[in-house]
Protein backbone atom coordinates (compact mmCIF):
# COMPACT_ATOMS: atom_id res chain seq x y z
CA UNK A 1 47.01 10.97 62.53
CA UNK A 2 50.13 8.93 61.80
CA UNK A 3 51.75 8.22 58.45
CA UNK A 4 53.85 5.11 57.99
CA UNK A 5 56.27 4.64 55.09
CA UNK A 6 57.50 1.14 54.24
CA UNK A 7 60.27 0.74 51.65
CA UNK A 8 59.57 -2.99 51.57
CA UNK A 9 62.32 -5.42 50.61
CA UNK A 10 60.60 -7.41 47.85
CA UNK A 11 62.67 -10.51 48.51
CA UNK A 12 64.73 -10.92 51.65
CA UNK A 13 66.40 -7.49 51.78
CA UNK A 14 65.98 -5.19 54.78
CA UNK A 15 63.16 -2.64 54.64
CA UNK A 16 63.25 1.06 55.44
CA UNK A 17 60.62 2.25 57.92
CA UNK A 18 59.39 5.75 58.73
CA UNK A 19 56.73 7.08 61.08
CA UNK A 20 55.41 10.65 60.82
CA UNK A 21 52.66 12.24 62.91
CA UNK A 22 50.60 15.34 62.23
CA UNK A 23 50.82 17.61 65.27
CA UNK A 24 49.66 21.23 65.39
CA UNK A 25 49.45 21.33 61.61
CA UNK A 26 52.99 20.03 61.04
CA UNK A 27 54.36 16.59 60.30
CA UNK A 28 56.79 15.47 62.97
CA UNK A 29 59.30 12.67 62.43
CA UNK A 30 58.79 10.07 65.16
CA UNK A 31 60.98 7.25 63.90
CA UNK A 32 63.26 6.26 61.05
CA UNK A 33 64.33 2.63 61.16
CA UNK A 34 65.27 -0.46 59.20
CA UNK A 35 64.22 -4.05 59.85
CA UNK A 36 65.02 -7.34 58.17
CA UNK A 37 62.12 -9.77 58.54
CA UNK A 38 58.42 -9.28 57.82
CA UNK A 39 57.69 -10.27 61.43
CA UNK A 40 59.98 -7.51 62.72
CA UNK A 41 58.41 -4.97 60.34
CA UNK A 42 54.92 -5.87 61.58
CA UNK A 43 56.08 -5.65 65.19
CA UNK A 44 57.48 -2.18 64.47
CA UNK A 45 54.15 -1.12 62.91
CA UNK A 46 52.20 -2.49 65.89
CA UNK A 47 54.40 -0.48 68.26
CA UNK A 48 54.20 2.66 66.13
CA UNK A 49 50.43 2.59 65.65
CA UNK A 50 48.22 1.41 68.49
CA UNK A 51 45.00 -0.45 67.72
CA UNK A 52 42.85 2.60 68.45
CA UNK A 53 44.99 5.05 66.44
CA UNK A 54 44.32 6.36 62.95
CA UNK A 55 47.08 5.94 60.40
CA UNK A 56 47.82 5.37 56.74
CA UNK A 57 50.53 2.93 55.68
CA UNK A 58 52.23 3.62 52.32
CA UNK A 59 54.08 0.62 50.92
CA UNK A 60 56.63 0.71 48.12
CA UNK A 61 55.66 -2.74 46.83
CA UNK A 62 52.80 -4.30 44.85
CA UNK A 63 50.40 -5.52 47.52
CA UNK A 64 47.50 -6.06 45.10
CA UNK A 65 48.42 -8.30 42.15
CA UNK A 66 45.31 -9.67 40.38
CA UNK A 67 47.08 -10.83 37.19
CA UNK A 68 48.75 -14.23 36.82
CA UNK A 69 51.15 -13.06 34.09
CA UNK A 70 52.36 -9.90 32.42
CA UNK A 71 52.06 -6.46 34.00
CA UNK A 72 49.38 -4.79 36.06
CA UNK A 73 47.54 -1.74 34.75
CA UNK A 74 49.35 0.64 37.17
CA UNK A 75 52.71 -0.74 36.03
CA UNK A 76 51.84 0.03 32.41
CA UNK A 77 50.49 3.46 33.28
CA UNK A 78 53.65 4.32 35.21
CA UNK A 79 55.64 3.85 32.00
CA UNK A 80 53.08 5.78 29.95
CA UNK A 81 53.14 8.84 32.21
CA UNK A 82 56.58 8.66 33.83
CA UNK A 83 58.75 6.75 31.37
CA UNK A 84 60.19 10.01 30.06
CA UNK A 85 61.55 10.63 33.56
CA UNK A 86 62.96 7.06 33.75
CA UNK A 87 60.40 6.48 36.50
CA UNK A 88 58.38 3.52 35.21
CA UNK A 89 58.02 0.66 37.68
CA UNK A 90 58.87 -3.03 37.45
CA UNK A 91 56.07 -5.34 36.24
CA UNK A 92 54.23 -7.39 38.85
CA UNK A 93 52.35 -10.64 38.41
CA UNK A 94 51.48 -13.61 40.58
CA UNK A 95 54.15 -15.86 39.04
CA UNK A 96 57.07 -13.66 40.04
CA UNK A 97 59.16 -14.69 43.04
CA UNK A 98 58.32 -11.67 45.19
CA UNK A 99 54.53 -11.80 44.68
CA UNK A 100 53.61 -14.02 47.63
CA UNK A 101 55.69 -11.89 50.01
CA UNK A 102 54.27 -8.53 48.92
CA UNK A 103 50.65 -9.73 48.64
CA UNK A 104 50.81 -11.34 52.08
CA UNK A 105 52.22 -8.14 53.54
CA UNK A 106 49.16 -6.26 52.31
CA UNK A 107 46.93 -8.94 53.82
CA UNK A 108 48.73 -8.60 57.16
CA UNK A 109 47.98 -4.88 57.07
CA UNK A 110 44.34 -5.58 56.26
CA UNK A 111 44.13 -7.89 59.27
CA UNK A 112 45.18 -4.89 61.38
CA UNK A 113 42.36 -2.79 59.95
CA UNK A 114 44.35 -0.93 57.28
CA UNK A 115 41.97 -0.97 54.31
CA UNK A 116 43.11 -0.22 50.76
CA UNK A 117 42.42 3.41 49.89
CA UNK A 118 42.73 4.09 46.15
CA UNK A 119 40.00 6.64 46.89
CA UNK A 120 39.86 8.66 50.09
CA UNK A 121 37.95 11.47 51.75
CA UNK A 122 40.67 14.01 52.53
CA UNK A 123 41.56 14.41 56.22
CA UNK A 124 39.09 11.78 57.41
CA UNK A 125 40.48 9.74 60.29
CA UNK A 126 40.77 6.00 59.75
CA UNK A 127 43.18 3.15 59.08
CA UNK A 128 44.29 2.92 55.47
CA UNK A 129 46.97 1.42 53.26
CA UNK A 130 48.15 2.46 49.79
CA UNK A 131 50.80 1.42 47.30
CA UNK A 132 53.32 4.11 46.41
CA UNK A 133 56.45 4.39 44.28
CA UNK A 134 59.21 6.82 45.34
CA UNK A 135 60.74 7.55 41.90
CA UNK A 136 57.74 9.32 40.29
CA UNK A 137 56.83 10.84 43.66
CA UNK A 138 60.30 12.40 43.89
CA UNK A 139 60.11 13.65 40.30
CA UNK A 140 56.75 15.34 40.92
CA UNK A 141 57.33 16.66 44.44
CA UNK A 142 60.64 18.27 43.49
CA UNK A 143 59.82 19.25 39.87
CA UNK A 144 62.62 17.15 38.39
CA UNK A 145 63.23 16.26 34.75
CA UNK A 146 64.48 12.76 35.57
CA UNK A 147 64.78 10.48 38.56
CA UNK A 148 67.62 10.79 41.02
CA UNK A 149 69.79 7.79 40.17
CA UNK A 150 70.93 6.73 43.62
CA UNK A 151 70.16 3.03 43.25
CA UNK A 152 72.61 1.97 40.53
CA UNK A 153 76.04 2.97 39.27
CA UNK A 154 79.33 3.92 40.87
CA UNK A 155 79.27 4.36 44.62
CA UNK A 156 80.43 7.99 44.42
CA UNK A 157 77.70 8.84 41.89
CA UNK A 158 75.02 7.15 43.98
CA UNK A 159 76.17 9.06 47.03
CA UNK A 160 75.90 12.40 45.20
CA UNK A 161 72.39 11.59 43.99
CA UNK A 162 71.33 10.54 47.48
CA UNK A 163 72.69 13.79 48.90
CA UNK A 164 70.54 15.63 46.34
CA UNK A 165 67.49 13.72 47.58
CA UNK A 166 68.33 14.57 51.19
CA UNK A 167 68.69 18.26 50.35
CA UNK A 168 65.40 18.32 48.41
CA UNK A 169 63.66 16.75 51.42
CA UNK A 170 65.11 19.40 53.75
CA UNK A 171 64.39 22.33 51.43
CA UNK A 172 61.06 21.50 49.78
CA UNK A 173 58.93 19.34 52.07
CA UNK A 174 58.86 21.88 54.95
CA UNK A 175 57.54 24.50 52.48
CA UNK A 176 54.51 22.64 51.07
CA UNK A 177 51.36 21.38 52.78
CA UNK A 178 51.33 19.34 54.88
CA UNK A 179 54.57 20.86 56.20
CA UNK A 180 57.28 18.44 57.26
CA UNK A 181 59.13 19.61 60.36
CA UNK A 182 62.64 18.17 60.33
CA UNK A 183 64.61 19.87 63.10
CA UNK A 184 65.30 16.46 64.65
CA UNK A 185 66.23 14.83 61.36
CA UNK A 186 69.96 15.24 60.84
CA UNK A 187 71.65 12.80 58.52
CA UNK A 188 75.18 13.95 59.28
CA UNK A 189 78.10 12.63 57.26
CA UNK A 190 76.94 10.55 54.31
CA UNK A 191 78.41 7.04 54.35
CA UNK A 192 81.07 5.96 51.88
CA UNK A 193 80.52 2.19 51.92
CA UNK A 194 77.94 0.38 49.83
CA UNK A 195 76.17 -1.26 52.77
CA UNK A 196 75.84 1.95 54.78
CA UNK A 197 74.75 3.92 51.72
CA UNK A 198 72.04 1.32 51.05
CA UNK A 199 70.81 1.71 54.62
CA UNK A 200 70.52 5.48 54.16
CA UNK A 201 68.78 4.96 50.81
CA UNK A 202 66.18 2.64 52.37
CA UNK A 203 65.45 5.11 55.16
CA UNK A 204 65.11 8.11 52.85
CA UNK A 205 62.84 6.11 50.54
CA UNK A 206 60.66 5.21 53.51
CA UNK A 207 60.48 8.90 54.46
CA UNK A 208 59.27 9.72 50.93
CA UNK A 209 56.67 6.93 51.23
CA UNK A 210 55.44 8.33 54.55
CA UNK A 211 55.22 11.84 53.12
CA UNK A 212 53.22 10.58 50.12
CA UNK A 213 50.85 8.92 52.60
CA UNK A 214 50.39 12.27 54.34
CA UNK A 215 49.97 14.14 51.04
CA UNK A 216 47.31 11.65 49.88
CA UNK A 217 45.42 11.86 53.17
CA UNK A 218 45.66 15.67 53.25
CA UNK A 219 44.70 16.41 49.63
CA UNK A 220 43.14 13.29 48.11
CA UNK A 221 42.62 13.44 44.34
CA UNK A 222 42.80 17.25 44.36
CA UNK A 223 46.60 17.04 44.24
CA UNK A 224 47.35 13.38 43.62
CA UNK A 225 47.19 10.92 40.76
CA UNK A 226 45.97 7.34 41.13
CA UNK A 227 47.19 4.86 38.54
CA UNK A 228 44.72 1.95 38.54
CA UNK A 229 42.22 0.93 41.23
CA UNK A 230 41.58 -1.79 43.80
CA UNK A 231 40.64 -4.32 41.09
CA UNK A 232 43.77 -3.83 38.97
CA UNK A 233 46.22 -2.73 41.64
CA UNK A 234 47.02 0.95 42.00
CA UNK A 235 49.81 3.43 42.75
CA UNK A 236 49.25 6.81 44.42
CA UNK A 237 51.55 9.57 43.15
CA UNK A 238 51.56 13.27 44.12
CA UNK A 239 50.63 15.62 41.31
CA UNK A 240 53.52 17.65 39.93
CA UNK A 241 54.09 20.58 42.29
CA UNK A 242 54.53 23.05 39.42
CA UNK A 243 50.91 22.31 38.39
CA UNK A 244 49.46 23.32 41.76
CA UNK A 245 52.02 25.82 43.07
CA UNK A 246 49.69 28.76 42.41
CA UNK A 247 47.27 27.36 44.99
CA UNK A 248 49.69 27.34 47.93
């Protein structure tokens, strides 16, 4: 089973891409990439997941937007449950500039057999897609009291927050199920320029997306929250680790 994370550029920005595979009970990192165009992203997915392979694609973007104006239900619920962590998401509606791009991306995935999975039978092979959001996922997976603020602010501050994220990934995700094996994942020296730091940010976000895909497939609703459904749009978020840690 493969797990694809897509930190989708909502407009014309590059997108971070990650491919994990469950082998011998551990998640192995197969690829960590970045592509510019939707066509190149889809080509990367097609190469990463063959037509006869099972996989779940987790997209950090609203691929289901039923409402013409305002906010979707999952957007509102993200603020209700995660606003105190500064982890509420941006509103999505069909009149916003990014909507056509993100909706069409979901449709492209559907055409490849990746069906929306706001409900899932844990560990059942198939081809699925879900919407995810890294900020609340990071808060819950790493038991944080606020988001890691690596997207805005001074370059030096963003770099420090991104290093924190990298260290949490290395320290925590190999210790929870499904276990992420990262011996081949070495970030090295963190970049000091804005463009290079953004590239690292996109890739780490895509890794979080891919891990959330694996966590959803592995545990289902036993250890995940689903904000919304396939009629309102939905976001899958891991349950806070401190709430389930006694079960490990």
